[in-house]
Amino acid sequence: MSLITILTILLLIVACVLPFVIIKRRDKRAENKFRQILLDHASNGNHSISQHELLNQKIIGIADATNRIFFLKHFNNKDVIHEVDLTTVERCYINKTTRNSIDGNYSATERVELRFTPQNRTNPEAVFEVYSLEHDSLSMSGELQLAEKWKSIIDKKLLDKKSKVIQ
């Protein structure tokens, strides 16, 4: 092979790989910025996020020391942050809403939410909208698994809280 052929092949390889590298770096930078928004919000309230997870323009995190859970969602070009004090929560559950097709052969998940029932029933439930067919993509990509994972984390925290009250 001649030097020109080798250089041409290398140039083609770089031209094919470079867009993927650029996209990956851009996405990583956006994730870090998104994560930092949640961490800054928590630190403004003197909370320290000990565990968090990012998925599709949504991030959920927990401050173990202060029993607070945070949810940040990028929606309509703005960031919406929700915060729940787990000491005031009785239970957490997943609300999954589905819609059936007209002929009844198909069903689609319309919404997946983490809902927090307060101990004081006069207060409204707090809701973290993990997935919405209206605002997210047509197919879920890990949102249900994210909700189930965080429900179990929250249930463990609530169970720990109840066992401390009993002792």
N, C-alpha and C. Protein backbone atom coordinates (compact mmCIF):
# COMPACT_ATOMS: atom_id res chain seq x y z
N MET A 1 0.84 -1.19 0.00
CA MET A 1 0.00 0.00 0.00
C MET A 1 0.87 1.24 0.00
N SER A 2 0.40 2.21 -0.69
CA SER A 2 1.16 3.45 -0.74
C SER A 2 0.79 4.34 0.44
N LEU A 3 1.61 5.31 0.68
CA LEU A 3 1.40 6.25 1.79
C LEU A 3 0.11 7.03 1.60
N ILE A 4 -0.23 7.37 0.40
CA ILE A 4 -1.45 8.13 0.11
C ILE A 4 -2.69 7.28 0.44
N THR A 5 -2.65 6.00 0.12
CA THR A 5 -3.77 5.10 0.43
C THR A 5 -3.96 4.97 1.93
N ILE A 6 -2.86 4.80 2.64
CA ILE A 6 -2.92 4.67 4.10
C ILE A 6 -3.48 5.95 4.72
N LEU A 7 -3.01 7.09 4.29
CA LEU A 7 -3.50 8.37 4.81
C LEU A 7 -4.98 8.59 4.49
N THR A 8 -5.39 8.16 3.31
CA THR A 8 -6.80 8.29 2.92
C THR A 8 -7.68 7.42 3.82
N ILE A 9 -7.25 6.20 4.07
CA ILE A 9 -8.01 5.29 4.94
C ILE A 9 -8.08 5.86 6.35
N LEU A 10 -6.97 6.35 6.87
CA LEU A 10 -6.96 6.95 8.21
C LEU A 10 -7.87 8.18 8.28
N LEU A 11 -7.85 8.98 7.25
CA LEU A 11 -8.70 10.17 7.20
C LEU A 11 -10.18 9.78 7.18
N LEU A 12 -10.53 8.75 6.45
CA LEU A 12 -11.92 8.27 6.40
C LEU A 12 -12.35 7.71 7.77
N ILE A 13 -11.46 6.99 8.42
CA ILE A 13 -11.78 6.45 9.75
C ILE A 13 -12.01 7.59 10.73
N VAL A 14 -11.13 8.57 10.72
CA VAL A 14 -11.29 9.73 11.61
C VAL A 14 -12.58 10.47 11.29
N ALA A 15 -12.90 10.63 10.02
CA ALA A 15 -14.13 11.33 9.62
C ALA A 15 -15.38 10.58 10.07
N CYS A 16 -15.29 9.25 10.13
CA CYS A 16 -16.45 8.47 10.57
C CYS A 16 -16.57 8.45 12.09
N VAL A 17 -15.47 8.42 12.80
CA VAL A 17 -15.49 8.29 14.25
C VAL A 17 -15.68 9.65 14.94
N LEU A 18 -15.16 10.69 14.38
CA LEU A 18 -15.17 12.01 15.01
C LEU A 18 -16.57 12.51 15.39
N PRO A 19 -17.60 12.37 14.54
CA PRO A 19 -18.93 12.83 14.96
C PRO A 19 -19.44 12.12 16.21
N PHE A 20 -19.17 10.83 16.35
CA PHE A 20 -19.59 10.09 17.53
C PHE A 20 -18.87 10.58 18.78
N VAL A 21 -17.61 10.87 18.65
CA VAL A 21 -16.83 11.40 19.79
C VAL A 21 -17.37 12.77 20.20
N ILE A 22 -17.65 13.60 19.24
CA ILE A 22 -18.16 14.94 19.53
C ILE A 22 -19.54 14.85 20.21
N ILE A 23 -20.41 14.01 19.70
CA ILE A 23 -21.75 13.85 20.29
C ILE A 23 -21.65 13.31 21.70
N LYS A 24 -20.78 12.33 21.92
CA LYS A 24 -20.61 11.74 23.26
C LYS A 24 -20.10 12.79 24.25
N ARG A 25 -19.15 13.60 23.85
CA ARG A 25 -18.62 14.65 24.73
C ARG A 25 -19.69 15.70 25.04
N ARG A 26 -20.48 16.06 24.03
CA ARG A 26 -21.54 17.04 24.23
C ARG A 26 -22.59 16.51 25.21
N ASP A 27 -22.98 15.25 25.04
CA ASP A 27 -23.96 14.64 25.94
C ASP A 27 -23.42 14.54 27.36
N LYS A 28 -22.16 14.19 27.51
CA LYS A 28 -21.54 14.07 28.83
C LYS A 28 -21.50 15.43 29.51
N ARG A 29 -21.19 16.47 28.76
CA ARG A 29 -21.16 17.83 29.31
C ARG A 29 -22.56 18.26 29.75
N ALA A 30 -23.57 17.93 28.95
CA ALA A 30 -24.96 18.26 29.30
C ALA A 30 -25.40 17.50 30.54
N GLU A 31 -25.01 16.22 30.66
CA GLU A 31 -25.34 15.44 31.85
C GLU A 31 -24.71 16.05 33.10
N ASN A 32 -23.46 16.44 32.99
CA ASN A 32 -22.77 17.04 34.14
C ASN A 32 -23.42 18.35 34.56
N LYS A 33 -23.84 19.15 33.58
CA LYS A 33 -24.51 20.41 33.88
C LYS A 33 -25.85 20.15 34.58
N PHE A 34 -26.59 19.17 34.07
CA PHE A 34 -27.89 18.79 34.63
C PHE A 34 -27.73 18.28 36.06
N ARG A 35 -26.73 17.42 36.26
CA ARG A 35 -26.44 16.88 37.60
C ARG A 35 -26.07 18.02 38.56
N GLN A 36 -25.30 18.97 38.07
CA GLN A 36 -24.87 20.08 38.92
C GLN A 36 -26.04 20.95 39.36
N ILE A 37 -27.06 21.09 38.52
CA ILE A 37 -28.25 21.85 38.90
C ILE A 37 -28.90 21.21 40.12
N LEU A 38 -29.04 19.89 40.12
CA LEU A 38 -29.63 19.19 41.26
C LEU A 38 -28.76 19.32 42.50
N LEU A 39 -27.45 19.13 42.34
CA LEU A 39 -26.54 19.23 43.48
C LEU A 39 -26.54 20.63 44.07
N ASP A 40 -26.60 21.65 43.22
CA ASP A 40 -26.64 23.04 43.70
C ASP A 40 -27.94 23.31 44.46
N HIS A 41 -29.05 22.83 43.92
CA HIS A 41 -30.34 23.03 44.59
C HIS A 41 -30.32 22.39 45.98
N ALA A 42 -29.79 21.18 46.05
CA ALA A 42 -29.74 20.47 47.34
C ALA A 42 -28.80 21.19 48.31
N SER A 43 -27.66 21.62 47.83
CA SER A 43 -26.70 22.28 48.74
C SER A 43 -27.22 23.65 49.20
N ASN A 44 -28.07 24.30 48.42
CA ASN A 44 -28.67 25.57 48.86
C ASN A 44 -29.55 25.37 50.08
N GLY A 45 -30.12 24.18 50.23
CA GLY A 45 -30.94 23.86 51.39
C GLY A 45 -30.17 23.07 52.44
N ASN A 46 -28.84 23.10 52.36
CA ASN A 46 -27.95 22.39 53.29
C ASN A 46 -28.18 20.88 53.27
N HIS A 47 -28.40 20.34 52.08
CA HIS A 47 -28.56 18.90 51.90
C HIS A 47 -27.41 18.41 51.03
N SER A 48 -27.01 17.20 51.26
CA SER A 48 -25.93 16.60 50.48
C SER A 48 -26.46 15.33 49.82
N ILE A 49 -26.49 15.33 48.50
CA ILE A 49 -26.99 14.19 47.75
C ILE A 49 -25.99 13.03 47.91
N SER A 50 -26.47 11.91 48.44
CA SER A 50 -25.59 10.76 48.65
C SER A 50 -25.72 9.73 47.53
N GLN A 51 -26.85 9.73 46.83
CA GLN A 51 -27.07 8.78 45.75
C GLN A 51 -27.98 9.44 44.73
N HIS A 52 -27.66 9.27 43.45
CA HIS A 52 -28.51 9.84 42.41
C HIS A 52 -28.43 8.99 41.15
N GLU A 53 -29.40 9.23 40.26
CA GLU A 53 -29.44 8.51 38.99
C GLU A 53 -30.04 9.42 37.93
N LEU A 54 -29.43 9.40 36.78
CA LEU A 54 -29.82 10.25 35.66
C LEU A 54 -30.35 9.38 34.53
N LEU A 55 -31.49 9.79 33.95
CA LEU A 55 -32.07 9.05 32.82
C LEU A 55 -32.92 10.00 31.99
N ASN A 56 -32.55 10.19 30.74
CA ASN A 56 -33.38 10.94 29.77
C ASN A 56 -33.90 12.27 30.30
N GLN A 57 -33.03 13.18 30.60
CA GLN A 57 -33.41 14.53 31.05
C GLN A 57 -34.17 14.53 32.37
N LYS A 58 -33.96 13.48 33.17
CA LYS A 58 -34.54 13.39 34.51
C LYS A 58 -33.45 12.90 35.43
N ILE A 59 -33.42 13.44 36.65
CA ILE A 59 -32.46 12.97 37.63
C ILE A 59 -33.16 12.92 38.98
N ILE A 60 -32.92 11.84 39.69
CA ILE A 60 -33.50 11.67 41.02
C ILE A 60 -32.35 11.41 41.98
N GLY A 61 -32.44 12.01 43.15
CA GLY A 61 -31.37 11.85 44.13
C GLY A 61 -31.92 11.90 45.54
N ILE A 62 -31.14 11.37 46.47
CA ILE A 62 -31.56 11.32 47.86
C ILE A 62 -30.44 11.85 48.75
N ALA A 63 -30.86 12.62 49.75
CA ALA A 63 -29.94 13.09 50.79
C ALA A 63 -30.23 12.24 52.02
N ASP A 64 -29.42 11.23 52.23
CA ASP A 64 -29.66 10.29 53.33
C ASP A 64 -29.64 10.96 54.70
N ALA A 65 -28.73 11.89 54.89
CA ALA A 65 -28.57 12.52 56.20
C ALA A 65 -29.80 13.32 56.62
N THR A 66 -30.48 13.94 55.65
CA THR A 66 -31.64 14.78 55.97
C THR A 66 -32.97 14.17 55.53
N ASN A 67 -32.94 12.94 55.01
CA ASN A 67 -34.16 12.24 54.57
C ASN A 67 -34.98 13.04 53.57
N ARG A 68 -34.32 13.55 52.58
CA ARG A 68 -35.00 14.28 51.51
C ARG A 68 -34.70 13.62 50.18
N ILE A 69 -35.70 13.63 49.33
CA ILE A 69 -35.52 13.11 47.98
C ILE A 69 -35.82 14.22 46.99
N PHE A 70 -35.01 14.29 45.94
CA PHE A 70 -35.09 15.36 44.95
C PHE A 70 -35.33 14.76 43.57
N PHE A 71 -36.08 15.50 42.76
CA PHE A 71 -36.36 15.07 41.39
C PHE A 71 -36.27 16.29 40.49
N LEU A 72 -35.47 16.18 39.46
CA LEU A 72 -35.28 17.27 38.51
C LEU A 72 -35.62 16.74 37.13
N LYS A 73 -36.48 17.49 36.44
CA LYS A 73 -36.91 17.11 35.10
C LYS A 73 -36.80 18.32 34.19
N HIS A 74 -36.20 18.12 33.03
CA HIS A 74 -36.12 19.19 32.03
C HIS A 74 -37.38 19.08 31.17
N PHE A 75 -38.19 20.14 31.20
CA PHE A 75 -39.49 20.10 30.56
C PHE A 75 -39.78 21.46 29.92
N ASN A 76 -40.11 21.48 28.64
CA ASN A 76 -40.40 22.73 27.91
C ASN A 76 -39.29 23.76 28.09
N ASN A 77 -38.06 23.32 27.89
CA ASN A 77 -36.88 24.19 27.98
C ASN A 77 -36.68 24.85 29.34
N LYS A 78 -37.21 24.23 30.38
CA LYS A 78 -36.93 24.72 31.73
C LYS A 78 -36.79 23.53 32.67
N ASP A 79 -36.11 23.77 33.76
CA ASP A 79 -35.88 22.72 34.74
C ASP A 79 -36.91 22.83 35.85
N VAL A 80 -37.56 21.70 36.16
CA VAL A 80 -38.56 21.64 37.22
C VAL A 80 -37.99 20.75 38.33
N ILE A 81 -37.88 21.31 39.53
CA ILE A 81 -37.32 20.58 40.66
C ILE A 81 -38.40 20.33 41.70
N HIS A 82 -38.48 19.08 42.15
CA HIS A 82 -39.40 18.70 43.23
C HIS A 82 -38.56 18.16 44.37
N GLU A 83 -39.02 18.42 45.58
CA GLU A 83 -38.31 17.97 46.77
C GLU A 83 -39.34 17.44 47.76
N VAL A 84 -39.06 16.28 48.36
CA VAL A 84 -39.98 15.69 49.33
C VAL A 84 -39.20 15.34 50.59
N ASP A 85 -39.76 15.74 51.72
CA ASP A 85 -39.20 15.39 53.02
C ASP A 85 -39.78 14.04 53.41
N LEU A 86 -38.95 13.02 53.46
CA LEU A 86 -39.43 11.67 53.73
C LEU A 86 -39.91 11.48 55.16
N THR A 87 -39.58 12.40 56.06
CA THR A 87 -40.07 12.28 57.43
C THR A 87 -41.56 12.57 57.52
N THR A 88 -42.12 13.21 56.49
CA THR A 88 -43.55 13.52 56.48
C THR A 88 -44.35 12.58 55.58
N VAL A 89 -43.68 11.56 55.03
CA VAL A 89 -44.31 10.65 54.08
C VAL A 89 -44.70 9.35 54.77
N GLU A 90 -45.93 8.91 54.50
CA GLU A 90 -46.39 7.63 55.04
C GLU A 90 -45.97 6.47 54.14
N ARG A 91 -46.16 6.65 52.82
CA ARG A 91 -45.78 5.59 51.89
C ARG A 91 -45.49 6.17 50.52
N CYS A 92 -44.79 5.37 49.74
CA CYS A 92 -44.47 5.73 48.36
C CYS A 92 -44.97 4.60 47.47
N TYR A 93 -45.57 4.96 46.34
CA TYR A 93 -46.02 3.92 45.41
C TYR A 93 -45.87 4.40 43.98
N ILE A 94 -45.88 3.44 43.07
CA ILE A 94 -45.77 3.73 41.64
C ILE A 94 -47.18 3.75 41.06
N ASN A 95 -47.50 4.81 40.36
CA ASN A 95 -48.77 4.92 39.67
C ASN A 95 -48.48 4.80 38.18
N LYS A 96 -48.92 3.70 37.58
CA LYS A 96 -48.70 3.45 36.16
C LYS A 96 -50.05 3.49 35.47
N THR A 97 -50.20 4.43 34.54
CA THR A 97 -51.44 4.60 33.80
C THR A 97 -51.25 4.08 32.39
N THR A 98 -52.16 3.23 31.94
CA THR A 98 -52.08 2.70 30.58
C THR A 98 -53.33 3.08 29.80
N ARG A 99 -53.18 3.06 28.50
CA ARG A 99 -54.29 3.36 27.61
C ARG A 99 -54.42 2.21 26.62
N ASN A 100 -55.63 1.71 26.42
CA ASN A 100 -55.87 0.62 25.48
C ASN A 100 -56.26 1.17 24.12
N SER A 101 -55.93 0.40 23.08
CA SER A 101 -56.33 0.81 21.73
C SER A 101 -57.83 0.61 21.57
N ILE A 102 -58.39 1.16 20.52
CA ILE A 102 -59.83 1.07 20.28
C ILE A 102 -60.28 -0.38 20.16
N ASP A 103 -59.50 -1.20 19.46
CA ASP A 103 -59.89 -2.60 19.29
C ASP A 103 -59.51 -3.47 20.50
N GLY A 104 -58.79 -2.91 21.44
CA GLY A 104 -58.44 -3.62 22.66
C GLY A 104 -57.26 -4.56 22.53
N ASN A 105 -56.60 -4.58 21.37
CA ASN A 105 -55.47 -5.49 21.16
C ASN A 105 -54.16 -4.95 21.72
N TYR A 106 -54.05 -3.65 21.86
CA TYR A 106 -52.80 -3.05 22.29
C TYR A 106 -53.03 -2.13 23.48
N SER A 107 -52.01 -2.01 24.29
CA SER A 107 -52.07 -1.02 25.37
C SER A 107 -50.73 -0.29 25.40
N ALA A 108 -50.79 0.96 25.77
CA ALA A 108 -49.59 1.78 25.84
C ALA A 108 -49.53 2.43 27.22
N THR A 109 -48.32 2.49 27.75
CA THR A 109 -48.15 3.16 29.03
C THR A 109 -48.23 4.65 28.78
N GLU A 110 -49.13 5.29 29.46
CA GLU A 110 -49.36 6.72 29.28
C GLU A 110 -48.54 7.54 30.28
N ARG A 111 -48.38 7.00 31.50
CA ARG A 111 -47.71 7.77 32.54
C ARG A 111 -47.16 6.82 33.60
N VAL A 112 -45.96 7.15 34.12
CA VAL A 112 -45.39 6.45 35.26
C VAL A 112 -44.98 7.52 36.26
N GLU A 113 -45.52 7.39 37.47
CA GLU A 113 -45.27 8.39 38.51
C GLU A 113 -44.84 7.71 39.80
N LEU A 114 -43.98 8.37 40.52
CA LEU A 114 -43.69 8.02 41.91
C LEU A 114 -44.54 8.96 42.74
N ARG A 115 -45.43 8.41 43.55
CA ARG A 115 -46.33 9.23 44.36
C ARG A 115 -46.03 9.03 45.83
N PHE A 116 -46.09 10.12 46.58
CA PHE A 116 -45.77 10.11 48.00
C PHE A 116 -47.01 10.51 48.79
N THR A 117 -47.53 9.57 49.58
CA THR A 117 -48.69 9.82 50.42
C THR A 117 -48.21 10.44 51.73
N PRO A 118 -48.67 11.63 52.06
CA PRO A 118 -48.22 12.26 53.31
C PRO A 118 -48.90 11.65 54.53
N GLN A 119 -48.24 11.77 55.67
CA GLN A 119 -48.84 11.29 56.92
C GLN A 119 -50.08 12.10 57.26
N ASN A 120 -50.02 13.39 57.02
CA ASN A 120 -51.15 14.27 57.23
C ASN A 120 -52.01 14.24 55.96
N ARG A 121 -53.15 13.60 56.02
CA ARG A 121 -53.98 13.37 54.83
C ARG A 121 -54.57 14.65 54.24
N THR A 122 -54.48 15.77 54.96
CA THR A 122 -55.00 17.03 54.41
C THR A 122 -54.03 17.61 53.38
N ASN A 123 -52.77 17.20 53.43
CA ASN A 123 -51.79 17.66 52.45
C ASN A 123 -51.91 16.84 51.17
N PRO A 124 -51.66 17.44 50.03
CA PRO A 124 -51.74 16.68 48.77
C PRO A 124 -50.54 15.75 48.60
N GLU A 125 -50.73 14.73 47.77
CA GLU A 125 -49.62 13.83 47.46
C GLU A 125 -48.59 14.56 46.60
N ALA A 126 -47.32 14.27 46.87
CA ALA A 126 -46.25 14.77 46.00
C ALA A 126 -46.09 13.77 44.86
N VAL A 127 -45.81 14.28 43.67
CA VAL A 127 -45.74 13.42 42.48
C VAL A 127 -44.46 13.72 41.71
N PHE A 128 -43.70 12.66 41.41
CA PHE A 128 -42.56 12.74 40.51
C PHE A 128 -42.97 12.05 39.22
N GLU A 129 -43.17 12.80 38.15
CA GLU A 129 -43.58 12.23 36.87
C GLU A 129 -42.34 11.69 36.15
N VAL A 130 -42.14 10.39 36.24
CA VAL A 130 -40.96 9.75 35.67
C VAL A 130 -41.10 9.59 34.16
N TYR A 131 -42.32 9.33 33.70
CA TYR A 131 -42.56 9.18 32.26
C TYR A 131 -43.95 9.69 31.93
N SER A 132 -44.05 10.38 30.80
CA SER A 132 -45.33 10.83 30.29
C SER A 132 -45.32 10.68 28.78
N LEU A 133 -46.30 9.98 28.26
CA LEU A 133 -46.40 9.77 26.82
C LEU A 133 -46.55 11.11 26.10
N GLU A 134 -47.17 12.05 26.77
CA GLU A 134 -47.41 13.37 26.18
C GLU A 134 -46.12 14.17 26.00
N HIS A 135 -45.18 14.03 26.95
CA HIS A 135 -43.98 14.87 26.93
C HIS A 135 -42.70 14.13 26.57
N ASP A 136 -42.67 12.81 26.77
CA ASP A 136 -41.46 12.03 26.50
C ASP A 136 -41.59 11.30 25.18
N SER A 137 -40.63 10.43 24.89
CA SER A 137 -40.67 9.68 23.65
C SER A 137 -41.83 8.68 23.68
N LEU A 138 -42.14 8.13 22.52
CA LEU A 138 -43.26 7.21 22.43
C LEU A 138 -43.02 5.88 23.14
N SER A 139 -41.78 5.51 23.29
CA SER A 139 -41.48 4.26 24.00
C SER A 139 -40.62 4.57 25.23
N MET A 140 -40.89 3.81 26.27
CA MET A 140 -40.12 4.00 27.50
C MET A 140 -38.75 3.37 27.33
N SER A 141 -37.77 3.96 27.98
CA SER A 141 -36.41 3.41 27.90
C SER A 141 -35.79 3.41 29.29
N GLY A 142 -36.36 2.60 30.16
CA GLY A 142 -35.80 2.46 31.50
C GLY A 142 -36.52 3.24 32.58
N GLU A 143 -37.56 3.98 32.23
CA GLU A 143 -38.27 4.80 33.21
C GLU A 143 -38.97 3.95 34.27
N LEU A 144 -39.61 2.86 33.86
CA LEU A 144 -40.29 1.99 34.82
C LEU A 144 -39.29 1.35 35.78
N GLN A 145 -38.15 0.91 35.25
CA GLN A 145 -37.12 0.32 36.09
C GLN A 145 -36.56 1.37 37.07
N LEU A 146 -36.41 2.60 36.59
CA LEU A 146 -35.95 3.67 37.47
C LEU A 146 -36.94 3.90 38.60
N ALA A 147 -38.23 3.94 38.28
CA ALA A 147 -39.25 4.15 39.30
C ALA A 147 -39.26 3.00 40.31
N GLU A 148 -39.14 1.78 39.82
CA GLU A 148 -39.14 0.62 40.73
C GLU A 148 -37.91 0.63 41.63
N LYS A 149 -36.77 0.96 41.09
CA LYS A 149 -35.54 1.00 41.88
C LYS A 149 -35.65 2.04 42.99
N TRP A 150 -36.12 3.23 42.62
CA TRP A 150 -36.19 4.30 43.62
C TRP A 150 -37.32 4.08 44.61
N LYS A 151 -38.37 3.40 44.20
CA LYS A 151 -39.42 3.06 45.16
C LYS A 151 -38.86 2.15 46.23
N SER A 152 -38.04 1.17 45.83
CA SER A 152 -37.46 0.27 46.83
C SER A 152 -36.48 1.01 47.74
N ILE A 153 -35.72 1.96 47.21
CA ILE A 153 -34.81 2.76 48.04
C ILE A 153 -35.61 3.57 49.05
N ILE A 154 -36.69 4.19 48.57
CA ILE A 154 -37.53 5.02 49.44
C ILE A 154 -38.25 4.16 50.47
N ASP A 155 -38.75 2.99 50.05
CA ASP A 155 -39.41 2.09 51.00
C ASP A 155 -38.47 1.67 52.12
N LYS A 156 -37.21 1.44 51.78
CA LYS A 156 -36.23 1.07 52.80
C LYS A 156 -36.03 2.22 53.78
N LYS A 157 -35.96 3.45 53.27
CA LYS A 157 -35.82 4.63 54.15
C LYS A 157 -37.05 4.78 55.05
N LEU A 158 -38.24 4.57 54.48
CA LEU A 158 -39.46 4.69 55.27
C LEU A 158 -39.55 3.59 56.33
N LEU A 159 -39.10 2.39 55.99
CA LEU A 159 -39.09 1.29 56.93
C LEU A 159 -38.10 1.57 58.07
N ASP A 160 -36.93 2.11 57.72
CA ASP A 160 -35.94 2.47 58.74
C ASP A 160 -36.52 3.53 59.69
N LYS A 161 -37.27 4.47 59.12
CA LYS A 161 -37.88 5.53 59.93
C LYS A 161 -38.89 4.94 60.91
N LYS A 162 -39.71 4.00 60.41
CA LYS A 162 -40.72 3.38 61.27
C LYS A 162 -40.09 2.54 62.37
N SER A 163 -39.01 1.84 62.04
CA SER A 163 -38.36 0.99 63.06
C SER A 163 -37.70 1.84 64.14
N LYS A 164 -37.22 3.03 63.78
CA LYS A 164 -36.63 3.94 64.78
C LYS A 164 -37.72 4.49 65.71
N VAL A 165 -38.90 4.73 65.18
CA VAL A 165 -40.02 5.25 65.98
C VAL A 165 -40.47 4.19 66.98
N ILE A 166 -40.50 2.92 66.56
CA ILE A 166 -40.94 1.83 67.41
C ILE A 166 -39.97 1.63 68.58
N GLN A 167 -38.68 1.75 68.33
CA GLN A 167 -37.68 1.55 69.38
C GLN A 167 -37.73 2.69 70.30
